[in-house]
Full PDB file with SEQRES, HELIX, SHEET, SSBOND, CRYST1, ORIGX, SCALE, CONECT and MASTER records, all heavy atoms in Angstrom:
SEQRES   1 A   37  SER ASN ASN LEU LEU THR PHE SER LYS PHE LYS GLY PHE          
SEQRES   2 A   37  ASP PRO GLU VAL GLY GLY ASP ASN LEU ASN ARG GLY ILE          
SEQRES   3 A   37  ASP ASN LEU GLY TYR PRO ASN PRO ARG THR ILE                  
CRYST1    1.000    1.000    1.000  90.00  90.00  90.00 P 1           1          
ORIGX1      1.000000  0.000000  0.000000        0.00000                         
ORIGX2      0.000000  1.000000  0.000000        0.00000                         
ORIGX3      0.000000  0.000000  1.000000        0.00000                         
SCALE1      1.000000  0.000000  0.000000        0.00000                         
SCALE2      0.000000  1.000000  0.000000        0.00000                         
SCALE3      0.000000  0.000000  1.000000        0.00000                         
ATOM      1  N   SER A   1      22.866   4.189   5.148  1.00  0.00           N  
ATOM      2  CA  SER A   1      23.262   2.793   5.300  1.00  0.00           C  
ATOM      3  C   SER A   1      22.035   1.909   5.382  1.00  0.00           C  
ATOM      4  O   SER A   1      20.982   2.319   5.892  1.00  0.00           O  
ATOM      5  CB  SER A   1      24.113   2.625   6.567  1.00  0.00           C  
ATOM      6  OG  SER A   1      24.426   1.262   6.779  1.00  0.00           O  
ATOM      7  N   ASN A   2      22.174   0.689   4.881  1.00  0.00           N  
ATOM      8  CA  ASN A   2      21.157  -0.352   5.020  1.00  0.00           C  
ATOM      9  C   ASN A   2      21.721  -1.497   5.853  1.00  0.00           C  
ATOM     10  O   ASN A   2      22.892  -1.857   5.711  1.00  0.00           O  
ATOM     11  CB  ASN A   2      20.726  -0.892   3.660  1.00  0.00           C  
ATOM     12  CG  ASN A   2      19.961   0.123   2.842  1.00  0.00           C  
ATOM     13  OD1 ASN A   2      19.220   0.931   3.386  1.00  0.00           O  
ATOM     14  ND2 ASN A   2      20.151   0.102   1.534  1.00  0.00           N  
ATOM     15  N   ASN A   3      20.880  -2.052   6.737  1.00  0.00           N  
ATOM     16  CA  ASN A   3      21.286  -3.185   7.589  1.00  0.00           C  
ATOM     17  C   ASN A   3      22.552  -2.867   8.374  1.00  0.00           C  
ATOM     18  O   ASN A   3      23.500  -3.649   8.420  1.00  0.00           O  
ATOM     19  CB  ASN A   3      21.499  -4.448   6.745  1.00  0.00           C  
ATOM     20  CG  ASN A   3      20.231  -4.918   6.077  1.00  0.00           C  
ATOM     21  OD1 ASN A   3      19.184  -5.016   6.717  1.00  0.00           O  
ATOM     22  ND2 ASN A   3      20.296  -5.178   4.779  1.00  0.00           N  
ATOM     23  N   LEU A   4      22.548  -1.705   9.004  1.00  0.00           N  
ATOM     24  CA  LEU A   4      23.746  -1.259   9.705  1.00  0.00           C  
ATOM     25  C   LEU A   4      23.998  -2.044  10.986  1.00  0.00           C  
ATOM     26  O   LEU A   4      25.128  -2.441  11.268  1.00  0.00           O  
ATOM     27  CB  LEU A   4      23.632   0.234  10.028  1.00  0.00           C  
ATOM     28  CG  LEU A   4      24.841   0.876  10.691  1.00  0.00           C  
ATOM     29  CD1 LEU A   4      26.064   0.787   9.795  1.00  0.00           C  
ATOM     30  CD2 LEU A   4      24.541   2.341  11.051  1.00  0.00           C  
ATOM     31  N   LEU A   5      22.948  -2.290  11.780  1.00  0.00           N  
ATOM     32  CA  LEU A   5      23.113  -2.955  13.065  1.00  0.00           C  
ATOM     33  C   LEU A   5      22.051  -4.033  13.241  1.00  0.00           C  
ATOM     34  O   LEU A   5      20.909  -3.873  12.804  1.00  0.00           O  
ATOM     35  CB  LEU A   5      23.000  -1.954  14.216  1.00  0.00           C  
ATOM     36  CG  LEU A   5      24.064  -0.850  14.298  1.00  0.00           C  
ATOM     37  CD1 LEU A   5      23.685   0.142  15.385  1.00  0.00           C  
ATOM     38  CD2 LEU A   5      25.438  -1.452  14.573  1.00  0.00           C  
ATOM     39  N   THR A   6      22.436  -5.124  13.895  1.00  0.00           N  
ATOM     40  CA  THR A   6      21.500  -6.193  14.243  1.00  0.00           C  
ATOM     41  C   THR A   6      21.698  -6.548  15.706  1.00  0.00           C  
ATOM     42  O   THR A   6      22.814  -6.862  16.132  1.00  0.00           O  
ATOM     43  CB  THR A   6      21.716  -7.447  13.384  1.00  0.00           C  
ATOM     44  OG1 THR A   6      21.513  -7.130  12.007  1.00  0.00           O  
ATOM     45  CG2 THR A   6      20.750  -8.558  13.794  1.00  0.00           C  
ATOM     46  N   PHE A   7      20.622  -6.507  16.480  1.00  0.00           N  
ATOM     47  CA  PHE A   7      20.657  -6.879  17.893  1.00  0.00           C  
ATOM     48  C   PHE A   7      19.915  -8.208  18.037  1.00  0.00           C  
ATOM     49  O   PHE A   7      18.708  -8.284  17.807  1.00  0.00           O  
ATOM     50  CB  PHE A   7      20.007  -5.796  18.747  1.00  0.00           C  
ATOM     51  CG  PHE A   7      20.621  -4.432  18.581  1.00  0.00           C  
ATOM     52  CD1 PHE A   7      20.094  -3.532  17.672  1.00  0.00           C  
ATOM     53  CD2 PHE A   7      21.736  -4.065  19.318  1.00  0.00           C  
ATOM     54  CE1 PHE A   7      20.656  -2.276  17.509  1.00  0.00           C  
ATOM     55  CE2 PHE A   7      22.309  -2.810  19.169  1.00  0.00           C  
ATOM     56  CZ  PHE A   7      21.777  -1.918  18.261  1.00  0.00           C  
ATOM     57  N   SER A   8      20.649  -9.253  18.398  1.00  0.00           N  
ATOM     58  CA  SER A   8      20.052 -10.590  18.468  1.00  0.00           C  
ATOM     59  C   SER A   8      20.975 -11.515  19.261  1.00  0.00           C  
ATOM     60  O   SER A   8      22.193 -11.308  19.295  1.00  0.00           O  
ATOM     61  CB  SER A   8      19.840 -11.158  17.056  1.00  0.00           C  
ATOM     62  OG  SER A   8      19.391 -12.491  17.101  1.00  0.00           O  
ATOM     63  N   LYS A   9      20.402 -12.536  19.878  1.00  0.00           N  
ATOM     64  CA  LYS A   9      21.177 -13.568  20.568  1.00  0.00           C  
ATOM     65  C   LYS A   9      21.470 -14.760  19.668  1.00  0.00           C  
ATOM     66  O   LYS A   9      22.085 -15.730  20.103  1.00  0.00           O  
ATOM     67  CB  LYS A   9      20.421 -14.034  21.818  1.00  0.00           C  
ATOM     68  CG  LYS A   9      20.273 -12.962  22.884  1.00  0.00           C  
ATOM     69  CD  LYS A   9      19.565 -13.504  24.114  1.00  0.00           C  
ATOM     70  CE  LYS A   9      19.439 -12.419  25.190  1.00  0.00           C  
ATOM     71  NZ  LYS A   9      18.734 -12.940  26.394  1.00  0.00           N  
ATOM     72  N   PHE A  10      21.032 -14.675  18.417  1.00  0.00           N  
ATOM     73  CA  PHE A  10      21.248 -15.762  17.468  1.00  0.00           C  
ATOM     74  C   PHE A  10      22.737 -15.954  17.216  1.00  0.00           C  
ATOM     75  O   PHE A  10      23.482 -14.990  17.031  1.00  0.00           O  
ATOM     76  CB  PHE A  10      20.522 -15.441  16.165  1.00  0.00           C  
ATOM     77  CG  PHE A  10      20.665 -16.488  15.101  1.00  0.00           C  
ATOM     78  CD1 PHE A  10      20.256 -17.792  15.328  1.00  0.00           C  
ATOM     79  CD2 PHE A  10      21.215 -16.172  13.867  1.00  0.00           C  
ATOM     80  CE1 PHE A  10      20.376 -18.758  14.353  1.00  0.00           C  
ATOM     81  CE2 PHE A  10      21.345 -17.127  12.882  1.00  0.00           C  
ATOM     82  CZ  PHE A  10      20.929 -18.427  13.128  1.00  0.00           C  
ATOM     83  N   LYS A  11      23.202 -17.231  17.186  1.00  0.00           N  
ATOM     84  CA  LYS A  11      24.625 -17.529  17.065  1.00  0.00           C  
ATOM     85  C   LYS A  11      25.120 -17.538  15.620  1.00  0.00           C  
ATOM     86  O   LYS A  11      26.324 -17.497  15.384  1.00  0.00           O  
ATOM     87  CB  LYS A  11      24.938 -18.882  17.708  1.00  0.00           C  
ATOM     88  CG  LYS A  11      24.568 -18.997  19.175  1.00  0.00           C  
ATOM     89  CD  LYS A  11      24.997 -20.352  19.713  1.00  0.00           C  
ATOM     90  CE  LYS A  11      24.522 -20.559  21.135  1.00  0.00           C  
ATOM     91  NZ  LYS A  11      23.069 -20.767  21.210  1.00  0.00           N  
ATOM     92  N   GLY A  12      24.206 -17.628  14.659  1.00  0.00           N  
ATOM     93  CA  GLY A  12      24.616 -17.712  13.263  1.00  0.00           C  
ATOM     94  C   GLY A  12      24.888 -16.349  12.654  1.00  0.00           C  
ATOM     95  O   GLY A  12      25.054 -15.343  13.354  1.00  0.00           O  
ATOM     96  N   PHE A  13      24.939 -16.314  11.325  1.00  0.00           N  
ATOM     97  CA  PHE A  13      25.247 -15.081  10.619  1.00  0.00           C  
ATOM     98  C   PHE A  13      24.122 -14.060  10.701  1.00  0.00           C  
ATOM     99  O   PHE A  13      24.350 -12.878  10.916  1.00  0.00           O  
ATOM    100  CB  PHE A  13      25.544 -15.377   9.144  1.00  0.00           C  
ATOM    101  CG  PHE A  13      26.852 -16.077   8.912  1.00  0.00           C  
ATOM    102  CD1 PHE A  13      27.033 -16.867   7.780  1.00  0.00           C  
ATOM    103  CD2 PHE A  13      27.883 -15.958   9.809  1.00  0.00           C  
ATOM    104  CE1 PHE A  13      28.240 -17.513   7.556  1.00  0.00           C  
ATOM    105  CE2 PHE A  13      29.095 -16.591   9.603  1.00  0.00           C  
ATOM    106  CZ  PHE A  13      29.264 -17.373   8.470  1.00  0.00           C  
ATOM    107  N   ASP A  14      22.891 -14.519  10.495  1.00  0.00           N  
ATOM    108  CA  ASP A  14      21.776 -13.584  10.367  1.00  0.00           C  
ATOM    109  C   ASP A  14      20.499 -14.273  10.834  1.00  0.00           C  
ATOM    110  O   ASP A  14      20.172 -15.366  10.347  1.00  0.00           O  
ATOM    111  CB  ASP A  14      21.636 -13.147   8.906  1.00  0.00           C  
ATOM    112  CG  ASP A  14      20.726 -11.945   8.723  1.00  0.00           C  
ATOM    113  OD1 ASP A  14      19.804 -11.773   9.544  1.00  0.00           O  
ATOM    114  OD2 ASP A  14      20.925 -11.179   7.770  1.00  0.00           O  
ATOM    115  N   PRO A  15      19.760 -13.681  11.790  1.00  0.00           N  
ATOM    116  CA  PRO A  15      18.521 -14.308  12.257  1.00  0.00           C  
ATOM    117  C   PRO A  15      17.416 -14.332  11.213  1.00  0.00           C  
ATOM    118  O   PRO A  15      16.421 -15.044  11.388  1.00  0.00           O  
ATOM    119  CB  PRO A  15      18.123 -13.449  13.465  1.00  0.00           C  
ATOM    120  CG  PRO A  15      18.766 -12.124  13.216  1.00  0.00           C  
ATOM    121  CD  PRO A  15      20.051 -12.431  12.506  1.00  0.00           C  
ATOM    122  N   GLU A  16      17.570 -13.590  10.127  1.00  0.00           N  
ATOM    123  CA  GLU A  16      16.582 -13.630   9.050  1.00  0.00           C  
ATOM    124  C   GLU A  16      16.923 -14.760   8.099  1.00  0.00           C  
ATOM    125  O   GLU A  16      17.418 -14.538   6.990  1.00  0.00           O  
ATOM    126  CB  GLU A  16      16.548 -12.300   8.309  1.00  0.00           C  
ATOM    127  CG  GLU A  16      15.824 -11.213   9.055  1.00  0.00           C  
ATOM    128  CD  GLU A  16      15.578 -10.005   8.188  1.00  0.00           C  
ATOM    129  OE1 GLU A  16      16.545  -9.285   7.895  1.00  0.00           O  
ATOM    130  OE2 GLU A  16      14.416  -9.785   7.805  1.00  0.00           O  
ATOM    131  N   VAL A  17      16.682 -15.973   8.530  1.00  0.00           N  
ATOM    132  CA  VAL A  17      16.984 -17.131   7.702  1.00  0.00           C  
ATOM    133  C   VAL A  17      15.878 -17.321   6.681  1.00  0.00           C  
ATOM    134  O   VAL A  17      14.722 -16.958   6.909  1.00  0.00           O  
ATOM    135  CB  VAL A  17      17.153 -18.401   8.561  1.00  0.00           C  
ATOM    136  CG1 VAL A  17      18.345 -18.256   9.477  1.00  0.00           C  
ATOM    137  CG2 VAL A  17      15.899 -18.677   9.386  1.00  0.00           C  
ATOM    138  N   GLY A  18      16.234 -17.901   5.545  1.00  0.00           N  
ATOM    139  CA  GLY A  18      15.273 -18.105   4.481  1.00  0.00           C  
ATOM    140  C   GLY A  18      14.474 -19.374   4.675  1.00  0.00           C  
ATOM    141  O   GLY A  18      14.389 -19.943   5.761  1.00  0.00           O  
ATOM    142  N   GLY A  19      13.890 -19.858   3.566  1.00  0.00           N  
ATOM    143  CA  GLY A  19      13.122 -21.084   3.622  1.00  0.00           C  
ATOM    144  C   GLY A  19      11.690 -20.895   3.188  1.00  0.00           C  
ATOM    145  O   GLY A  19      11.127 -19.806   3.314  1.00  0.00           O  
ATOM    146  N   ASP A  20      11.098 -21.974   2.665  1.00  0.00           N  
ATOM    147  CA  ASP A  20       9.696 -21.925   2.275  1.00  0.00           C  
ATOM    148  C   ASP A  20       8.834 -22.365   3.452  1.00  0.00           C  
ATOM    149  O   ASP A  20       9.310 -22.528   4.574  1.00  0.00           O  
ATOM    150  CB  ASP A  20       9.463 -22.796   1.040  1.00  0.00           C  
ATOM    151  CG  ASP A  20       9.973 -24.214   1.238  1.00  0.00           C  
ATOM    152  OD1 ASP A  20       9.934 -24.714   2.389  1.00  0.00           O  
ATOM    153  OD2 ASP A  20      10.422 -24.834   0.253  1.00  0.00           O  
ATOM    154  N   ASN A  21       7.554 -22.603   3.201  1.00  0.00           N  
ATOM    155  CA  ASN A  21       6.650 -22.952   4.296  1.00  0.00           C  
ATOM    156  C   ASN A  21       6.979 -24.278   4.955  1.00  0.00           C  
ATOM    157  O   ASN A  21       6.593 -24.528   6.092  1.00  0.00           O  
ATOM    158  CB  ASN A  21       5.206 -22.980   3.785  1.00  0.00           C  
ATOM    159  CG  ASN A  21       4.661 -21.591   3.536  1.00  0.00           C  
ATOM    160  OD1 ASN A  21       5.120 -20.634   4.136  1.00  0.00           O  
ATOM    161  ND2 ASN A  21       3.700 -21.476   2.634  1.00  0.00           N  
ATOM    162  N   LEU A  22       7.692 -25.167   4.245  1.00  0.00           N  
ATOM    163  CA  LEU A  22       8.062 -26.451   4.826  1.00  0.00           C  
ATOM    164  C   LEU A  22       9.429 -26.403   5.493  1.00  0.00           C  
ATOM    165  O   LEU A  22       9.807 -27.345   6.181  1.00  0.00           O  
ATOM    166  CB  LEU A  22       8.058 -27.536   3.741  1.00  0.00           C  
ATOM    167  CG  LEU A  22       6.705 -27.831   3.094  1.00  0.00           C  
ATOM    168  CD1 LEU A  22       6.854 -28.907   2.023  1.00  0.00           C  
ATOM    169  CD2 LEU A  22       5.690 -28.281   4.139  1.00  0.00           C  
ATOM    170  N   ASN A  23      10.164 -25.329   5.274  1.00  0.00           N  
ATOM    171  CA  ASN A  23      11.498 -25.202   5.862  1.00  0.00           C  
ATOM    172  C   ASN A  23      11.674 -23.859   6.560  1.00  0.00           C  
ATOM    173  O   ASN A  23      12.782 -23.354   6.672  1.00  0.00           O  
ATOM    174  CB  ASN A  23      12.568 -25.345   4.768  1.00  0.00           C  
ATOM    175  CG  ASN A  23      12.586 -26.731   4.158  1.00  0.00           C  
ATOM    176  OD1 ASN A  23      13.103 -27.678   4.746  1.00  0.00           O  
ATOM    177  ND2 ASN A  23      12.010 -26.857   2.972  1.00  0.00           N  
ATOM    178  N   ARG A  24      10.602 -23.313   7.037  1.00  0.00           N  
ATOM    179  CA  ARG A  24      10.659 -22.002   7.681  1.00  0.00           C  
ATOM    180  C   ARG A  24      11.443 -22.081   8.992  1.00  0.00           C  
ATOM    181  O   ARG A  24      11.293 -23.010   9.777  1.00  0.00           O  
ATOM    182  CB  ARG A  24       9.240 -21.512   7.958  1.00  0.00           C  
ATOM    183  CG  ARG A  24       9.166 -20.081   8.490  1.00  0.00           C  
ATOM    184  CD  ARG A  24       7.735 -19.742   8.888  1.00  0.00           C  
ATOM    185  NE  ARG A  24       6.832 -19.856   7.754  1.00  0.00           N  
ATOM    186  CZ  ARG A  24       6.579 -18.866   6.908  1.00  0.00           C  
ATOM    187  NH1 ARG A  24       7.180 -17.701   7.064  1.00  0.00           N  
ATOM    188  NH2 ARG A  24       5.743 -19.037   5.915  1.00  0.00           N  
ATOM    189  N   GLY A  25      12.286 -21.090   9.229  1.00  0.00           N  
ATOM    190  CA  GLY A  25      13.005 -21.019  10.497  1.00  0.00           C  
ATOM    191  C   GLY A  25      14.175 -21.973  10.610  1.00  0.00           C  
ATOM    192  O   GLY A  25      14.622 -22.253  11.724  1.00  0.00           O  
ATOM    193  N   ILE A  26      14.679 -22.474   9.495  1.00  0.00           N  
ATOM    194  CA  ILE A  26      15.834 -23.386   9.524  1.00  0.00           C  
ATOM    195  C   ILE A  26      17.049 -22.648   8.980  1.00  0.00           C  
ATOM    196  O   ILE A  26      17.029 -22.110   7.877  1.00  0.00           O  
ATOM    197  CB  ILE A  26      15.566 -24.647   8.691  1.00  0.00           C  
ATOM    198  CG1 ILE A  26      14.391 -25.429   9.271  1.00  0.00           C  
ATOM    199  CG2 ILE A  26      16.811 -25.533   8.655  1.00  0.00           C  
ATOM    200  CD1 ILE A  26      14.022 -26.660   8.479  1.00  0.00           C  
ATOM    201  N   ASP A  27      18.105 -22.610   9.777  1.00  0.00           N  
ATOM    202  CA  ASP A  27      19.333 -21.938   9.365  1.00  0.00           C  
ATOM    203  C   ASP A  27      20.247 -22.932   8.668  1.00  0.00           C  
ATOM    204  O   ASP A  27      20.808 -23.824   9.300  1.00  0.00           O  
ATOM    205  CB  ASP A  27      20.048 -21.343  10.583  1.00  0.00           C  
ATOM    206  CG  ASP A  27      21.383 -20.726  10.208  1.00  0.00           C  
ATOM    207  OD1 ASP A  27      21.492 -20.208   9.077  1.00  0.00           O  
ATOM    208  OD2 ASP A  27      22.308 -20.760  11.041  1.00  0.00           O  
ATOM    209  N   ASN A  28      20.401 -22.777   7.368  1.00  0.00           N  
ATOM    210  CA  ASN A  28      21.334 -23.605   6.607  1.00  0.00           C  
ATOM    211  C   ASN A  28      22.594 -22.822   6.247  1.00  0.00           C  
ATOM    212  O   ASN A  28      23.266 -23.110   5.267  1.00  0.00           O  
ATOM    213  CB  ASN A  28      20.657 -24.132   5.344  1.00  0.00           C  
ATOM    214  CG  ASN A  28      19.633 -25.209   5.661  1.00  0.00           C  
ATOM    215  OD1 ASN A  28      19.886 -26.102   6.457  1.00  0.00           O  
ATOM    216  ND2 ASN A  28      18.448 -25.108   5.066  1.00  0.00           N  
ATOM    217  N   LEU A  29      22.903 -21.805   7.079  1.00  0.00           N  
ATOM    218  CA  LEU A  29      24.101 -20.983   6.928  1.00  0.00           C  
ATOM    219  C   LEU A  29      24.111 -20.275   5.582  1.00  0.00           C  
ATOM    220  O   LEU A  29      25.104 -20.269   4.867  1.00  0.00           O  
ATOM    221  CB  LEU A  29      25.371 -21.819   7.107  1.00  0.00           C  
ATOM    222  CG  LEU A  29      26.565 -21.092   7.715  1.00  0.00           C  
ATOM    223  CD1 LEU A  29      26.233 -20.657   9.139  1.00  0.00           C  
ATOM    224  CD2 LEU A  29      27.801 -21.969   7.730  1.00  0.00           C  
ATOM    225  N   GLY A  30      22.959 -19.687   5.246  1.00  0.00           N  
ATOM    226  CA  GLY A  30      22.890 -18.909   4.023  1.00  0.00           C  
ATOM    227  C   GLY A  30      23.594 -17.575   4.180  1.00  0.00           C  
ATOM    228  O   GLY A  30      24.064 -17.212   5.257  1.00  0.00           O  
ATOM    229  N   TYR A  31      23.656 -16.835   3.081  1.00  0.00           N  
ATOM    230  CA  TYR A  31      24.334 -15.545   3.132  1.00  0.00           C  
ATOM    231  C   TYR A  31      23.491 -14.541   3.917  1.00  0.00           C  
ATOM    232  O   TYR A  31      22.278 -14.475   3.749  1.00  0.00           O  
ATOM    233  CB  TYR A  31      24.573 -15.021   1.717  1.00  0.00           C  
ATOM    234  CG  TYR A  31      25.576 -15.826   0.939  1.00  0.00           C  
ATOM    235  CD1 TYR A  31      25.169 -16.717  -0.053  1.00  0.00           C  
ATOM    236  CD2 TYR A  31      26.931 -15.716   1.208  1.00  0.00           C  
ATOM    237  CE1 TYR A  31      26.086 -17.475  -0.768  1.00  0.00           C  
ATOM    238  CE2 TYR A  31      27.863 -16.464   0.501  1.00  0.00           C  
ATOM    239  CZ  TYR A  31      27.428 -17.337  -0.489  1.00  0.00           C  
ATOM    240  OH  TYR A  31      28.348 -18.083  -1.180  1.00  0.00           O  
ATOM    241  N   PRO A  32      24.119 -13.744   4.779  1.00  0.00           N  
ATOM    242  CA  PRO A  32      23.369 -12.716   5.506  1.00  0.00           C  
ATOM    243  C   PRO A  32      22.998 -11.562   4.588  1.00  0.00           C  
ATOM    244  O   PRO A  32      23.586 -11.392   3.513  1.00  0.00           O  
ATOM    245  CB  PRO A  32      24.363 -12.272   6.586  1.00  0.00           C  
ATOM    246  CG  PRO A  32      25.712 -12.519   5.982  1.00  0.00           C  
ATOM    247  CD  PRO A  32      25.550 -13.768   5.141  1.00  0.00           C  
ATOM    248  N   ASN A  33      22.019 -10.786   5.014  1.00  0.00           N  
ATOM    249  CA  ASN A  33      21.667  -9.590   4.258  1.00  0.00           C  
ATOM    250  C   ASN A  33      22.863  -8.642   4.234  1.00  0.00           C  
ATOM    251  O   ASN A  33      23.486  -8.393   5.273  1.00  0.00           O  
ATOM    252  CB  ASN A  33      20.466  -8.884   4.894  1.00  0.00           C  
ATOM    253  CG  ASN A  33      19.182  -9.656   4.705  1.00  0.00           C  
ATOM    254  OD1 ASN A  33      18.920 -10.185   3.637  1.00  0.00           O  
ATOM    255  ND2 ASN A  33      18.373  -9.743   5.751  1.00  0.00           N  
ATOM    256  N   PRO A  34      23.210  -8.099   3.071  1.00  0.00           N  
ATOM    257  CA  PRO A  34      24.406  -7.257   2.981  1.00  0.00           C  
ATOM    258  C   PRO A  34      24.231  -5.916   3.691  1.00  0.00           C  
ATOM    259  O   PRO A  34      23.131  -5.369   3.753  1.00  0.00           O  
ATOM    260  CB  PRO A  34      24.587  -7.058   1.475  1.00  0.00           C  
ATOM    261  CG  PRO A  34      23.207  -7.195   0.913  1.00  0.00           C  
ATOM    262  CD  PRO A  34      22.537  -8.228   1.770  1.00  0.00           C  
ATOM    263  N   ARG A  35      25.324  -5.415   4.214  1.00  0.00           N  
ATOM    264  CA  ARG A  35      25.348  -4.077   4.809  1.00  0.00           C  
ATOM    265  C   ARG A  35      25.941  -3.123   3.786  1.00  0.00           C  
ATOM    266  O   ARG A  35      26.997  -3.394   3.213  1.00  0.00           O  
ATOM    267  CB  ARG A  35      26.194  -4.073   6.070  1.00  0.00           C  
ATOM    268  CG  ARG A  35      26.358  -2.694   6.717  1.00  0.00           C  
ATOM    269  CD  ARG A  35      27.311  -2.768   7.887  1.00  0.00           C  
ATOM    270  NE  ARG A  35      26.798  -3.679   8.903  1.00  0.00           N  
ATOM    271  CZ  ARG A  35      27.579  -4.264   9.825  1.00  0.00           C  
ATOM    272  NH1 ARG A  35      28.878  -4.068   9.818  1.00  0.00           N  
ATOM    273  NH2 ARG A  35      27.038  -5.066  10.730  1.00  0.00           N  
ATOM    274  N   THR A  36      25.258  -2.026   3.530  1.00  0.00           N  
ATOM    275  CA  THR A  36      25.744  -1.053   2.557  1.00  0.00           C  
ATOM    276  C   THR A  36      25.866   0.316   3.218  1.00  0.00           C  
ATOM    277  O   THR A  36      25.047   0.686   4.072  1.00  0.00           O  
ATOM    278  CB  THR A  36      24.808  -0.938   1.342  1.00  0.00           C  
ATOM    279  OG1 THR A  36      23.514  -0.516   1.785  1.00  0.00           O  
ATOM    280  CG2 THR A  36      24.684  -2.279   0.631  1.00  0.00           C  
ATOM    281  N   ILE A  37      26.895   1.060   2.837  1.00  0.00           N  
ATOM    282  CA  ILE A  37      27.097   2.432   3.296  1.00  0.00           C  
ATOM    283  C   ILE A  37      27.354   3.293   2.062  1.00  0.00           C  
ATOM    284  O   ILE A  37      28.238   2.982   1.261  1.00  0.00           O  
ATOM    285  CB  ILE A  37      28.265   2.542   4.284  1.00  0.00           C  
ATOM    286  CG1 ILE A  37      27.992   1.679   5.525  1.00  0.00           C  
ATOM    287  CG2 ILE A  37      28.494   3.997   4.692  1.00  0.00           C  
ATOM    288  CD1 ILE A  37      29.120   1.678   6.534  1.00  0.00           C  
TER     289      ILE A  37                                                      
MASTER        0    0    0    0    0    0    0    6  288    1    0    3          
END                                                                             
């Protein structure tokens, strides 16, 4: 499996939010990393 478990206090879908250097760390409710089994 890939991305089976995530431990975080983040309220959104995925704490690994995207963005470039000017928008780093901004959650725009993008798609989370998929979980595969």
